[in-house]
Amino acid sequence: MRTIRRLYFYAVTLVSLEVVLWGLIGLARSAFSTHIVGGGAARLAQALALILVGVPVFGLHWWVAQRGARADMDEHASGVRAFFLYAVLLATLIPIAQNCLPLLDRLLLQAFRLPLNAMFGA
């Protein structure tokens, strides 16, 4: 039963962390977007909704998982916890790398005063 409980709390924590991360990425995209009118409001609303829903869910489940890990050394050293921590590293690395590369590309294009369509080989 304890393993199922661990799996539940760590799975929900991981998913809610991803929701918050994608919400933050969406918020950054809408902040740096050049489109003022149109779908910008919908993207901003979606990003804020992801953040506002994901943060409390993540916080509650992470707090419960941490409380259990502090109280019990078996919980602290469990394989499920280790897998979760490595999964968090991978799950945050992928979206960050995926979104930092286009940002770096755009910054380099602006630094060298190249048109944005040069990014596509045109």
PDB file of N, CA and C in Angstrom:
ATOM      1  N   MET A   1       0.821  -1.198   0.000  1.00  0.00           N
ATOM      2  CA  MET A   1       0.000   0.000   0.000  1.00  0.00           C
ATOM      3  C   MET A   1       0.863   1.260   0.000  1.00  0.00           C
ATOM      4  N   ARG A   2       2.001   1.200   0.706  1.00  0.00           N
ATOM      5  CA  ARG A   2       2.873   2.373   0.759  1.00  0.00           C
ATOM      6  C   ARG A   2       3.468   2.679  -0.611  1.00  0.00           C
ATOM      7  N   THR A   3       3.780   1.636  -1.365  1.00  0.00           N
ATOM      8  CA  THR A   3       4.350   1.857  -2.698  1.00  0.00           C
ATOM      9  C   THR A   3       3.324   2.503  -3.620  1.00  0.00           C
ATOM     10  N   ILE A   4       2.085   2.077  -3.533  1.00  0.00           N
ATOM     11  CA  ILE A   4       1.033   2.681  -4.356  1.00  0.00           C
ATOM     12  C   ILE A   4       0.841   4.143  -3.965  1.00  0.00           C
ATOM     13  N   ARG A   5       0.897   4.416  -2.671  1.00  0.00           N
ATOM     14  CA  ARG A   5       0.770   5.801  -2.192  1.00  0.00           C
ATOM     15  C   ARG A   5       1.927   6.653  -2.724  1.00  0.00           C
ATOM     16  N   ARG A   6       3.144   6.107  -2.641  1.00  0.00           N
ATOM     17  CA  ARG A   6       4.312   6.826  -3.175  1.00  0.00           C
ATOM     18  C   ARG A   6       4.142   7.095  -4.663  1.00  0.00           C
ATOM     19  N   LEU A   7       3.756   6.056  -5.398  1.00  0.00           N
ATOM     20  CA  LEU A   7       3.575   6.217  -6.841  1.00  0.00           C
ATOM     21  C   LEU A   7       2.559   7.305  -7.151  1.00  0.00           C
ATOM     22  N   TYR A   8       1.454   7.309  -6.422  1.00  0.00           N
ATOM     23  CA  TYR A   8       0.429   8.322  -6.655  1.00  0.00           C
ATOM     24  C   TYR A   8       0.983   9.717  -6.408  1.00  0.00           C
ATOM     25  N   PHE A   9       1.576   9.938  -5.239  1.00  0.00           N
ATOM     26  CA  PHE A   9       2.028  11.285  -4.902  1.00  0.00           C
ATOM     27  C   PHE A   9       3.140  11.761  -5.829  1.00  0.00           C
ATOM     28  N   TYR A  10       4.075  10.891  -6.161  1.00  0.00           N
ATOM     29  CA  TYR A  10       5.153  11.318  -7.043  1.00  0.00           C
ATOM     30  C   TYR A  10       4.671  11.499  -8.478  1.00  0.00           C
ATOM     31  N   ALA A  11       3.743  10.677  -8.937  1.00  0.00           N
ATOM     32  CA  ALA A  11       3.215  10.842 -10.300  1.00  0.00           C
ATOM     33  C   ALA A  11       2.437  12.145 -10.430  1.00  0.00           C
ATOM     34  N   VAL A  12       1.579  12.435  -9.457  1.00  0.00           N
ATOM     35  CA  VAL A  12       0.812  13.685  -9.513  1.00  0.00           C
ATOM     36  C   VAL A  12       1.744  14.883  -9.379  1.00  0.00           C
ATOM     37  N   THR A  13       2.768  14.758  -8.543  1.00  0.00           N
ATOM     38  CA  THR A  13       3.736  15.843  -8.395  1.00  0.00           C
ATOM     39  C   THR A  13       4.471  16.091  -9.707  1.00  0.00           C
ATOM     40  N   LEU A  14       4.888  15.031 -10.375  1.00  0.00           N
ATOM     41  CA  LEU A  14       5.601  15.179 -11.646  1.00  0.00           C
ATOM     42  C   LEU A  14       4.712  15.799 -12.720  1.00  0.00           C
ATOM     43  N   VAL A  15       3.491  15.326 -12.833  1.00  0.00           N
ATOM     44  CA  VAL A  15       2.580  15.856 -13.851  1.00  0.00           C
ATOM     45  C   VAL A  15       2.245  17.316 -13.561  1.00  0.00           C
ATOM     46  N   SER A  16       1.984  17.644 -12.301  1.00  0.00           N
ATOM     47  CA  SER A  16       1.644  19.035 -11.980  1.00  0.00           C
ATOM     48  C   SER A  16       2.852  19.952 -12.152  1.00  0.00           C
ATOM     49  N   LEU A  17       4.062  19.444 -11.915  1.00  0.00           N
ATOM     50  CA  LEU A  17       5.256  20.246 -12.181  1.00  0.00           C
ATOM     51  C   LEU A  17       5.384  20.533 -13.670  1.00  0.00           C
ATOM     52  N   GLU A  18       5.091  19.544 -14.499  1.00  0.00           N
ATOM     53  CA  GLU A  18       5.111  19.752 -15.946  1.00  0.00           C
ATOM     54  C   GLU A  18       4.056  20.769 -16.373  1.00  0.00           C
ATOM     55  N   VAL A  19       2.884  20.708 -15.756  1.00  0.00           N
ATOM     56  CA  VAL A  19       1.820  21.667 -16.071  1.00  0.00           C
ATOM     57  C   VAL A  19       2.288  23.079 -15.743  1.00  0.00           C
ATOM     58  N   VAL A  20       2.902  23.251 -14.579  1.00  0.00           N
ATOM     59  CA  VAL A  20       3.402  24.572 -14.185  1.00  0.00           C
ATOM     60  C   VAL A  20       4.514  25.018 -15.127  1.00  0.00           C
ATOM     61  N   LEU A  21       5.410  24.111 -15.472  1.00  0.00           N
ATOM     62  CA  LEU A  21       6.516  24.459 -16.364  1.00  0.00           C
ATOM     63  C   LEU A  21       6.008  24.903 -17.731  1.00  0.00           C
ATOM     64  N   TRP A  22       5.050  24.180 -18.301  1.00  0.00           N
ATOM     65  CA  TRP A  22       4.505  24.579 -19.598  1.00  0.00           C
ATOM     66  C   TRP A  22       3.696  25.858 -19.480  1.00  0.00           C
ATOM     67  N   GLY A  23       3.078  26.090 -18.337  1.00  0.00           N
ATOM     68  CA  GLY A  23       2.397  27.364 -18.113  1.00  0.00           C
ATOM     69  C   GLY A  23       3.377  28.519 -18.085  1.00  0.00           C
ATOM     70  N   LEU A  24       4.520  28.323 -17.424  1.00  0.00           N
ATOM     71  CA  LEU A  24       5.547  29.370 -17.392  1.00  0.00           C
ATOM     72  C   LEU A  24       6.133  29.615 -18.777  1.00  0.00           C
ATOM     73  N   ILE A  25       6.319  28.546 -19.530  1.00  0.00           N
ATOM     74  CA  ILE A  25       6.820  28.700 -20.896  1.00  0.00           C
ATOM     75  C   ILE A  25       5.804  29.458 -21.743  1.00  0.00           C
ATOM     76  N   GLY A  26       4.533  29.124 -21.609  1.00  0.00           N
ATOM     77  CA  GLY A  26       3.488  29.847 -22.335  1.00  0.00           C
ATOM     78  C   GLY A  26       3.413  31.302 -21.931  1.00  0.00           C
ATOM     79  N   LEU A  27       3.601  31.577 -20.643  1.00  0.00           N
ATOM     80  CA  LEU A  27       3.605  32.953 -20.160  1.00  0.00           C
ATOM     81  C   LEU A  27       4.785  33.726 -20.746  1.00  0.00           C
ATOM     82  N   ALA A  28       5.951  33.101 -20.785  1.00  0.00           N
ATOM     83  CA  ALA A  28       7.121  33.755 -21.375  1.00  0.00           C
ATOM     84  C   ALA A  28       6.923  33.978 -22.870  1.00  0.00           C
ATOM     85  N   ARG A  29       6.343  32.999 -23.550  1.00  0.00           N
ATOM     86  CA  ARG A  29       6.082  33.162 -24.985  1.00  0.00           C
ATOM     87  C   ARG A  29       5.113  34.305 -25.247  1.00  0.00           C
ATOM     88  N   SER A  30       4.073  34.418 -24.427  1.00  0.00           N
ATOM     89  CA  SER A  30       3.116  35.507 -24.647  1.00  0.00           C
ATOM     90  C   SER A  30       3.721  36.849 -24.264  1.00  0.00           C
ATOM     91  N   ALA A  31       4.655  36.865 -23.332  1.00  0.00           N
ATOM     92  CA  ALA A  31       5.308  38.121 -22.959  1.00  0.00           C
ATOM     93  C   ALA A  31       6.256  38.598 -24.056  1.00  0.00           C
ATOM     94  N   PHE A  32       6.928  37.657 -24.724  1.00  0.00           N
ATOM     95  CA  PHE A  32       7.888  38.025 -25.759  1.00  0.00           C
ATOM     96  C   PHE A  32       7.291  37.999 -27.158  1.00  0.00           C
ATOM     97  N   SER A  33       6.010  37.711 -27.266  1.00  0.00           N
ATOM     98  CA  SER A  33       5.359  37.627 -28.566  1.00  0.00           C
ATOM     99  C   SER A  33       5.227  39.013 -29.178  1.00  0.00           C
ATOM    100  N   THR A  34       5.339  39.066 -30.486  1.00  0.00           N
ATOM    101  CA  THR A  34       5.187  40.342 -31.185  1.00  0.00           C
ATOM    102  C   THR A  34       3.735  40.602 -31.555  1.00  0.00           C
ATOM    103  N   HIS A  35       2.872  39.605 -31.432  1.00  0.00           N
ATOM    104  CA  HIS A  35       1.450  39.770 -31.748  1.00  0.00           C
ATOM    105  C   HIS A  35       0.740  40.350 -30.535  1.00  0.00           C
ATOM    106  N   ILE A  36       0.202  41.535 -30.688  1.00  0.00           N
ATOM    107  CA  ILE A  36      -0.496  42.190 -29.588  1.00  0.00           C
ATOM    108  C   ILE A  36      -1.963  41.775 -29.554  1.00  0.00           C
ATOM    109  N   VAL A  37      -2.570  41.653 -30.723  1.00  0.00           N
ATOM    110  CA  VAL A  37      -3.997  41.376 -30.812  1.00  0.00           C
ATOM    111  C   VAL A  37      -4.191  39.950 -31.327  1.00  0.00           C
ATOM    112  N   GLY A  38      -5.352  39.397 -31.110  1.00  0.00           N
ATOM    113  CA  GLY A  38      -5.675  38.093 -31.668  1.00  0.00           C
ATOM    114  C   GLY A  38      -5.593  37.001 -30.632  1.00  0.00           C
ATOM    115  N   GLY A  39      -4.798  35.972 -30.934  1.00  0.00           N
ATOM    116  CA  GLY A  39      -4.700  34.814 -30.060  1.00  0.00           C
ATOM    117  C   GLY A  39      -3.835  35.034 -28.847  1.00  0.00           C
ATOM    118  N   GLY A  40      -3.255  36.218 -28.712  1.00  0.00           N
ATOM    119  CA  GLY A  40      -2.390  36.488 -27.569  1.00  0.00           C
ATOM    120  C   GLY A  40      -3.113  36.414 -26.246  1.00  0.00           C
ATOM    121  N   ALA A  41      -4.342  36.894 -26.213  1.00  0.00           N
ATOM    122  CA  ALA A  41      -5.116  36.866 -24.965  1.00  0.00           C
ATOM    123  C   ALA A  41      -5.466  35.434 -24.582  1.00  0.00           C
ATOM    124  N   ALA A  42      -5.791  34.623 -25.566  1.00  0.00           N
ATOM    125  CA  ALA A  42      -6.126  33.224 -25.283  1.00  0.00           C
ATOM    126  C   ALA A  42      -4.902  32.466 -24.783  1.00  0.00           C
ATOM    127  N   ARG A  43      -3.737  32.726 -25.400  1.00  0.00           N
ATOM    128  CA  ARG A  43      -2.507  32.069 -24.945  1.00  0.00           C
ATOM    129  C   ARG A  43      -2.135  32.496 -23.536  1.00  0.00           C
ATOM    130  N   LEU A  44      -2.295  33.789 -23.259  1.00  0.00           N
ATOM    131  CA  LEU A  44      -2.003  34.299 -21.921  1.00  0.00           C
ATOM    132  C   LEU A  44      -2.946  33.692 -20.891  1.00  0.00           C
ATOM    133  N   ALA A  45      -4.227  33.614 -21.219  1.00  0.00           N
ATOM    134  CA  ALA A  45      -5.207  33.030 -20.293  1.00  0.00           C
ATOM    135  C   ALA A  45      -4.913  31.554 -20.034  1.00  0.00           C
ATOM    136  N   GLN A  46      -4.537  30.834 -21.085  1.00  0.00           N
ATOM    137  CA  GLN A  46      -4.221  29.419 -20.911  1.00  0.00           C
ATOM    138  C   GLN A  46      -2.979  29.242 -20.042  1.00  0.00           C
ATOM    139  N   ALA A  47      -1.960  30.056 -20.273  1.00  0.00           N
ATOM    140  CA  ALA A  47      -0.739  29.958 -19.480  1.00  0.00           C
ATOM    141  C   ALA A  47      -1.015  30.268 -18.012  1.00  0.00           C
ATOM    142  N   LEU A  48      -1.781  31.313 -17.763  1.00  0.00           N
ATOM    143  CA  LEU A  48      -2.109  31.659 -16.379  1.00  0.00           C
ATOM    144  C   LEU A  48      -2.962  30.579 -15.722  1.00  0.00           C
ATOM    145  N   ALA A  49      -3.884  29.988 -16.481  1.00  0.00           N
ATOM    146  CA  ALA A  49      -4.712  28.911 -15.928  1.00  0.00           C
ATOM    147  C   ALA A  49      -3.862  27.701 -15.559  1.00  0.00           C
ATOM    148  N   LEU A  50      -2.913  27.349 -16.426  1.00  0.00           N
ATOM    149  CA  LEU A  50      -2.027  26.226 -16.118  1.00  0.00           C
ATOM    150  C   LEU A  50      -1.232  26.490 -14.843  1.00  0.00           C
ATOM    151  N   ILE A  51      -0.743  27.703 -14.703  1.00  0.00           N
ATOM    152  CA  ILE A  51       0.040  28.044 -13.516  1.00  0.00           C
ATOM    153  C   ILE A  51      -0.837  28.050 -12.268  1.00  0.00           C
ATOM    154  N   LEU A  52      -1.997  28.695 -12.357  1.00  0.00           N
ATOM    155  CA  LEU A  52      -2.856  28.827 -11.181  1.00  0.00           C
ATOM    156  C   LEU A  52      -3.440  27.494 -10.720  1.00  0.00           C
ATOM    157  N   VAL A  53      -3.630  26.558 -11.622  1.00  0.00           N
ATOM    158  CA  VAL A  53      -4.119  25.236 -11.232  1.00  0.00           C
ATOM    159  C   VAL A  53      -2.959  24.339 -10.814  1.00  0.00           C
ATOM    160  N   GLY A  54      -1.849  24.415 -11.524  1.00  0.00           N
ATOM    161  CA  GLY A  54      -0.734  23.509 -11.270  1.00  0.00           C
ATOM    162  C   GLY A  54       0.026  23.767  -9.989  1.00  0.00           C
ATOM    163  N   VAL A  55       0.192  25.035  -9.619  1.00  0.00           N
ATOM    164  CA  VAL A  55       0.994  25.357  -8.431  1.00  0.00           C
ATOM    165  C   VAL A  55       0.391  24.779  -7.147  1.00  0.00           C
ATOM    166  N   PRO A  56      -0.902  24.975  -6.870  1.00  0.00           N
ATOM    167  CA  PRO A  56      -1.434  24.384  -5.634  1.00  0.00           C
ATOM    168  C   PRO A  56      -1.411  22.851  -5.635  1.00  0.00           C
ATOM    169  N   VAL A  57      -1.689  22.248  -6.785  1.00  0.00           N
ATOM    170  CA  VAL A  57      -1.663  20.786  -6.862  1.00  0.00           C
ATOM    171  C   VAL A  57      -0.244  20.287  -6.621  1.00  0.00           C
ATOM    172  N   PHE A  58       0.734  20.914  -7.265  1.00  0.00           N
ATOM    173  CA  PHE A  58       2.122  20.534  -7.055  1.00  0.00           C
ATOM    174  C   PHE A  58       2.533  20.754  -5.606  1.00  0.00           C
ATOM    175  N   GLY A  59       2.220  21.925  -5.069  1.00  0.00           N
ATOM    176  CA  GLY A  59       2.632  22.248  -3.706  1.00  0.00           C
ATOM    177  C   GLY A  59       2.085  21.278  -2.679  1.00  0.00           C
ATOM    178  N   LEU A  60       0.818  20.942  -2.796  1.00  0.00           N
ATOM    179  CA  LEU A  60       0.209  20.023  -1.836  1.00  0.00           C
ATOM    180  C   LEU A  60       0.833  18.636  -1.924  1.00  0.00           C
ATOM    181  N   HIS A  61       0.972  18.100  -3.125  1.00  0.00           N
ATOM    182  CA  HIS A  61       1.510  16.749  -3.270  1.00  0.00           C
ATOM    183  C   HIS A  61       2.999  16.692  -2.932  1.00  0.00           C
ATOM    184  N   TRP A  62       3.748  17.711  -3.285  1.00  0.00           N
ATOM    185  CA  TRP A  62       5.167  17.739  -2.946  1.00  0.00           C
ATOM    186  C   TRP A  62       5.350  17.853  -1.433  1.00  0.00           C
ATOM    187  N   TRP A  63       4.510  18.652  -0.779  1.00  0.00           N
ATOM    188  CA  TRP A  63       4.597  18.805   0.671  1.00  0.00           C
ATOM    189  C   TRP A  63       4.328  17.470   1.368  1.00  0.00           C
ATOM    190  N   VAL A  64       3.305  16.749   0.915  1.00  0.00           N
ATOM    191  CA  VAL A  64       2.992  15.446   1.514  1.00  0.00           C
ATOM    192  C   VAL A  64       4.131  14.459   1.267  1.00  0.00           C
ATOM    193  N   ALA A  65       4.685  14.451   0.068  1.00  0.00           N
ATOM    194  CA  ALA A  65       5.789  13.538  -0.246  1.00  0.00           C
ATOM    195  C   ALA A  65       7.027  13.870   0.584  1.00  0.00           C
ATOM    196  N   GLN A  66       7.329  15.144   0.740  1.00  0.00           N
ATOM    197  CA  GLN A  66       8.487  15.550   1.539  1.00  0.00           C
ATOM    198  C   GLN A  66       8.280  15.236   3.015  1.00  0.00           C
ATOM    199  N   ARG A  67       7.074  15.437   3.498  1.00  0.00           N
ATOM    200  CA  ARG A  67       6.779  15.138   4.901  1.00  0.00           C
ATOM    201  C   ARG A  67       6.991  13.653   5.172  1.00  0.00           C
ATOM    202  N   GLY A  68       6.553  12.807   4.260  1.00  0.00           N
ATOM    203  CA  GLY A  68       6.766  11.371   4.411  1.00  0.00           C
ATOM    204  C   GLY A  68       8.229  10.990   4.327  1.00  0.00           C
ATOM    205  N   ALA A  69       8.980  11.668   3.467  1.00  0.00           N
ATOM    206  CA  ALA A  69      10.407  11.363   3.321  1.00  0.00           C
ATOM    207  C   ALA A  69      11.198  11.796   4.549  1.00  0.00           C
ATOM    208  N   ARG A  70      10.793  12.896   5.171  1.00  0.00           N
ATOM    209  CA  ARG A  70      11.486  13.339   6.392  1.00  0.00           C
ATOM    210  C   ARG A  70      11.192  12.428   7.574  1.00  0.00           C
ATOM    211  N   ALA A  71       9.986  11.884   7.617  1.00  0.00           N
ATOM    212  CA  ALA A  71       9.574  11.080   8.764  1.00  0.00           C
ATOM    213  C   ALA A  71      10.103   9.648   8.701  1.00  0.00           C
ATOM    214  N   ASP A  72      10.384   9.144   7.516  1.00  0.00           N
ATOM    215  CA  ASP A  72      10.734   7.731   7.366  1.00  0.00           C
ATOM    216  C   ASP A  72      11.937   7.597   6.434  1.00  0.00           C
ATOM    217  N   MET A  73      13.003   6.980   6.922  1.00  0.00           N
ATOM    218  CA  MET A  73      14.206   6.814   6.095  1.00  0.00           C
ATOM    219  C   MET A  73      13.975   5.840   4.937  1.00  0.00           C
ATOM    220  N   ASP A  74      13.094   4.859   5.122  1.00  0.00           N
ATOM    221  CA  ASP A  74      12.775   3.959   4.006  1.00  0.00           C
ATOM    222  C   ASP A  74      12.121   4.728   2.867  1.00  0.00           C
ATOM    223  N   GLU A  75      11.268   5.651   3.232  1.00  0.00           N
ATOM    224  CA  GLU A  75      10.617   6.490   2.219  1.00  0.00           C
ATOM    225  C   GLU A  75      11.644   7.392   1.540  1.00  0.00           C
ATOM    226  N   HIS A  76      12.564   7.927   2.335  1.00  0.00           N
ATOM    227  CA  HIS A  76      13.589   8.830   1.807  1.00  0.00           C
ATOM    228  C   HIS A  76      14.507   8.108   0.818  1.00  0.00           C
ATOM    229  N   ALA A  77      14.772   6.834   1.072  1.00  0.00           N
ATOM    230  CA  ALA A  77      15.701   6.073   0.235  1.00  0.00           C
ATOM    231  C   ALA A  77      14.988   5.158  -0.761  1.00  0.00           C
ATOM    232  N   SER A  78      13.706   5.358  -0.977  1.00  0.00           N
ATOM    233  CA  SER A  78      12.957   4.445  -1.852  1.00  0.00           C
ATOM    234  C   SER A  78      13.352   4.630  -3.317  1.00  0.00           C
ATOM    235  N   GLY A  79      13.211   3.560  -4.056  1.00  0.00           N
ATOM    236  CA  GLY A  79      13.503   3.603  -5.484  1.00  0.00           C
ATOM    237  C   GLY A  79      12.523   4.471  -6.253  1.00  0.00           C
ATOM    238  N   VAL A  80      11.282   4.525  -5.782  1.00  0.00           N
ATOM    239  CA  VAL A  80      10.275   5.365  -6.432  1.00  0.00           C
ATOM    240  C   VAL A  80      10.681   6.826  -6.330  1.00  0.00           C
ATOM    241  N   ARG A  81      11.177   7.231  -5.174  1.00  0.00           N
ATOM    242  CA  ARG A  81      11.621   8.619  -4.977  1.00  0.00           C
ATOM    243  C   ARG A  81      12.820   8.933  -5.874  1.00  0.00           C
ATOM    244  N   ALA A  82      13.774   8.013  -5.945  1.00  0.00           N
ATOM    245  CA  ALA A  82      14.945   8.226  -6.799  1.00  0.00           C
ATOM    246  C   ALA A  82      14.529   8.339  -8.266  1.00  0.00           C
ATOM    247  N   PHE A  83      13.640   7.451  -8.702  1.00  0.00           N
ATOM    248  CA  PHE A  83      13.146   7.520 -10.075  1.00  0.00           C
ATOM    249  C   PHE A  83      12.450   8.849 -10.331  1.00  0.00           C
ATOM    250  N   PHE A  84      11.642   9.297  -9.368  1.00  0.00           N
ATOM    251  CA  PHE A  84      10.943  10.575  -9.502  1.00  0.00           C
ATOM    252  C   PHE A  84      11.935  11.720  -9.677  1.00  0.00           C
ATOM    253  N   LEU A  85      12.976  11.758  -8.857  1.00  0.00           N
ATOM    254  CA  LEU A  85      13.927  12.869  -8.931  1.00  0.00           C
ATOM    255  C   LEU A  85      14.665  12.883 -10.269  1.00  0.00           C
ATOM    256  N   TYR A  86      15.030  11.712 -10.773  1.00  0.00           N
ATOM    257  CA  TYR A  86      15.662  11.665 -12.093  1.00  0.00           C
ATOM    258  C   TYR A  86      14.668  12.018 -13.199  1.00  0.00           C
ATOM    259  N   ALA A  87      13.421  11.605 -13.047  1.00  0.00           N
ATOM    260  CA  ALA A  87      12.392  11.950 -14.032  1.00  0.00           C
ATOM    261  C   ALA A  87      12.148  13.453 -14.064  1.00  0.00           C
ATOM    262  N   VAL A  88      12.213  14.099 -12.902  1.00  0.00           N
ATOM    263  CA  VAL A  88      12.056  15.558 -12.849  1.00  0.00           C
ATOM    264  C   VAL A  88      13.190  16.235 -13.604  1.00  0.00           C
ATOM    265  N   LEU A  89      14.407  15.741 -13.428  1.00  0.00           N
ATOM    266  CA  LEU A  89      15.534  16.324 -14.164  1.00  0.00           C
ATOM    267  C   LEU A  89      15.316  16.212 -15.674  1.00  0.00           C
ATOM    268  N   LEU A  90      14.917  15.047 -16.130  1.00  0.00           N
ATOM    269  CA  LEU A  90      14.678  14.852 -17.563  1.00  0.00           C
ATOM    270  C   LEU A  90      13.474  15.653 -18.044  1.00  0.00           C
ATOM    271  N   ALA A  91      12.413  15.647 -17.255  1.00  0.00           N
ATOM    272  CA  ALA A  91      11.178  16.320 -17.666  1.00  0.00           C
ATOM    273  C   ALA A  91      11.317  17.834 -17.678  1.00  0.00           C
ATOM    274  N   THR A  92      12.257  18.377 -16.948  1.00  0.00           N
ATOM    275  CA  THR A  92      12.484  19.821 -17.016  1.00  0.00           C
ATOM    276  C   THR A  92      13.545  20.169 -18.056  1.00  0.00           C
ATOM    277  N   LEU A  93      14.468  19.264 -18.299  1.00  0.00           N
ATOM    278  CA  LEU A  93      15.515  19.531 -19.284  1.00  0.00           C
ATOM    279  C   LEU A  93      14.944  19.624 -20.699  1.00  0.00           C
ATOM    280  N   ILE A  94      14.050  18.732 -21.047  1.00  0.00           N
ATOM    281  CA  ILE A  94      13.525  18.683 -22.416  1.00  0.00           C
ATOM    282  C   ILE A  94      12.786  19.963 -22.799  1.00  0.00           C
ATOM    283  N   PRO A  95      11.783  20.430 -22.028  1.00  0.00           N
ATOM    284  CA  PRO A  95      11.100  21.667 -22.444  1.00  0.00           C
ATOM    285  C   PRO A  95      11.992  22.896 -22.379  1.00  0.00           C
ATOM    286  N   ILE A  96      12.903  22.930 -21.421  1.00  0.00           N
ATOM    287  CA  ILE A  96      13.786  24.091 -21.322  1.00  0.00           C
ATOM    288  C   ILE A  96      14.715  24.144 -22.530  1.00  0.00           C
ATOM    289  N   ALA A  97      15.310  23.016 -22.893  1.00  0.00           N
ATOM    290  CA  ALA A  97      16.182  22.994 -24.070  1.00  0.00           C
ATOM    291  C   ALA A  97      15.389  23.286 -25.339  1.00  0.00           C
ATOM    292  N   GLN A  98      14.197  22.723 -25.433  1.00  0.00           N
ATOM    293  CA  GLN A  98      13.362  22.917 -26.619  1.00  0.00           C
ATOM    294  C   GLN A  98      12.981  24.381 -26.800  1.00  0.00           C
ATOM    295  N   ASN A  99      12.834  25.125 -25.731  1.00  0.00           N
ATOM    296  CA  ASN A  99      12.408  26.517 -25.836  1.00  0.00           C
ATOM    297  C   ASN A  99      13.557  27.505 -25.746  1.00  0.00           C
ATOM    298  N   CYS A 100      14.698  27.102 -25.224  1.00  0.00           N
ATOM    299  CA  CYS A 100      15.850  28.007 -25.180  1.00  0.00           C
ATOM    300  C   CYS A 100      16.564  28.080 -26.531  1.00  0.00           C
ATOM    301  N   LEU A 101      16.557  26.996 -27.283  1.00  0.00           N
ATOM    302  CA  LEU A 101      17.221  27.016 -28.587  1.00  0.00           C
ATOM    303  C   LEU A 101      16.589  28.018 -29.554  1.00  0.00           C
ATOM    304  N   PRO A 102      15.262  28.066 -29.708  1.00  0.00           N
ATOM    305  CA  PRO A 102      14.688  29.106 -30.582  1.00  0.00           C
ATOM    306  C   PRO A 102      14.918  30.519 -30.047  1.00  0.00           C
ATOM    307  N   LEU A 103      14.923  30.667 -28.731  1.00  0.00           N
ATOM    308  CA  LEU A 103      15.194  31.979 -28.148  1.00  0.00           C
ATOM    309  C   LEU A 103      16.620  32.414 -28.473  1.00  0.00           C
ATOM    310  N   LEU A 104      17.567  31.507 -28.339  1.00  0.00           N
ATOM    311  CA  LEU A 104      18.952  31.809 -28.686  1.00  0.00           C
ATOM    312  C   LEU A 104      19.079  32.106 -30.174  1.00  0.00           C
ATOM    313  N   ASP A 105      18.377  31.347 -31.001  1.00  0.00           N
ATOM    314  CA  ASP A 105      18.391  31.574 -32.443  1.00  0.00           C
ATOM    315  C   ASP A 105      17.877  32.971 -32.776  1.00  0.00           C
ATOM    316  N   ARG A 106      16.777  33.347 -32.161  1.00  0.00           N
ATOM    317  CA  ARG A 106      16.199  34.672 -32.423  1.00  0.00           C
ATOM    318  C   ARG A 106      17.131  35.783 -31.940  1.00  0.00           C
ATOM    319  N   LEU A 107      17.748  35.594 -30.780  1.00  0.00           N
ATOM    320  CA  LEU A 107      18.679  36.605 -30.267  1.00  0.00           C
ATOM    321  C   LEU A 107      19.895  36.760 -31.176  1.00  0.00           C
ATOM    322  N   LEU A 108      20.405  35.640 -31.698  1.00  0.00           N
ATOM    323  CA  LEU A 108      21.544  35.717 -32.612  1.00  0.00           C
ATOM    324  C   LEU A 108      21.155  36.378 -33.931  1.00  0.00           C
ATOM    325  N   LEU A 109      19.956  36.073 -34.432  1.00  0.00           N
ATOM    326  CA  LEU A 109      19.500  36.732 -35.659  1.00  0.00           C
ATOM    327  C   LEU A 109      19.384  38.239 -35.458  1.00  0.00           C
ATOM    328  N   GLN A 110      18.883  38.657 -34.311  1.00  0.00           N
ATOM    329  CA  GLN A 110      18.773  40.086 -34.033  1.00  0.00           C
ATOM    330  C   GLN A 110      20.142  40.718 -33.814  1.00  0.00           C
ATOM    331  N   ALA A 111      21.064  39.987 -33.191  1.00  0.00           N
ATOM    332  CA  ALA A 111      22.400  40.532 -32.948  1.00  0.00           C
ATOM    333  C   ALA A 111      23.145  40.766 -34.258  1.00  0.00           C
ATOM    334  N   PHE A 112      22.954  39.873 -35.232  1.00  0.00           N
ATOM    335  CA  PHE A 112      23.616  40.020 -36.521  1.00  0.00           C
ATOM    336  C   PHE A 112      22.745  40.730 -37.546  1.00  0.00           C
ATOM    337  N   ARG A 113      21.617  41.263 -37.105  1.00  0.00           N
ATOM    338  CA  ARG A 113      20.691  42.042 -37.932  1.00  0.00           C
ATOM    339  C   ARG A 113      20.253  41.284 -39.192  1.00  0.00           C
ATOM    340  N   LEU A 114      19.938  40.027 -39.002  1.00  0.00           N
ATOM    341  CA  LEU A 114      19.428  39.203 -40.093  1.00  0.00           C
ATOM    342  C   LEU A 114      17.907  39.153 -40.008  1.00  0.00           C
ATOM    343  N   PRO A 115      17.220  38.998 -41.140  1.00  0.00           N
ATOM    344  CA  PRO A 115      15.752  38.895 -41.083  1.00  0.00           C
ATOM    345  C   PRO A 115      15.336  37.583 -40.409  1.00  0.00           C
ATOM    346  N   LEU A 116      14.171  37.599 -39.810  1.00  0.00           N
ATOM    347  CA  LEU A 116      13.699  36.414 -39.093  1.00  0.00           C
ATOM    348  C   LEU A 116      13.473  35.226 -40.017  1.00  0.00           C
ATOM    349  N   ASN A 117      13.202  35.461 -41.302  1.00  0.00           N
ATOM    350  CA  ASN A 117      13.013  34.329 -42.204  1.00  0.00           C
ATOM    351  C   ASN A 117      14.338  33.647 -42.536  1.00  0.00           C
ATOM    352  N   ALA A 118      15.472  34.226 -42.161  1.00  0.00           N
ATOM    353  CA  ALA A 118      16.765  33.568 -42.348  1.00  0.00           C
ATOM    354  C   ALA A 118      16.871  32.334 -41.460  1.00  0.00           C
ATOM    355  N   MET A 119      16.052  32.296 -40.440  1.00  0.00           N
ATOM    356  CA  MET A 119      16.024  31.160 -39.532  1.00  0.00           C
ATOM    357  C   MET A 119      15.551  29.902 -40.254  1.00  0.00           C
ATOM    358  N   PHE A 120      14.769  30.065 -41.313  1.00  0.00           N
ATOM    359  CA  PHE A 120      14.218  28.933 -42.035  1.00  0.00           C
ATOM    360  C   PHE A 120      14.990  28.637 -43.315  1.00  0.00           C
ATOM    361  N   GLY A 121      16.135  29.247 -43.492  1.00  0.00           N
ATOM    362  CA  GLY A 121      16.956  28.993 -44.660  1.00  0.00           C
ATOM    363  C   GLY A 121      16.501  29.720 -45.909  1.00  0.00           C
ATOM    364  N   ALA A 122      15.654  30.711 -45.752  1.00  0.00           N
ATOM    365  CA  ALA A 122      15.141  31.447 -46.916  1.00  0.00           C
ATOM    366  C   ALA A 122      16.055  32.593 -47.282  1.00  0.00           C
TER     367      ALA A 122
END
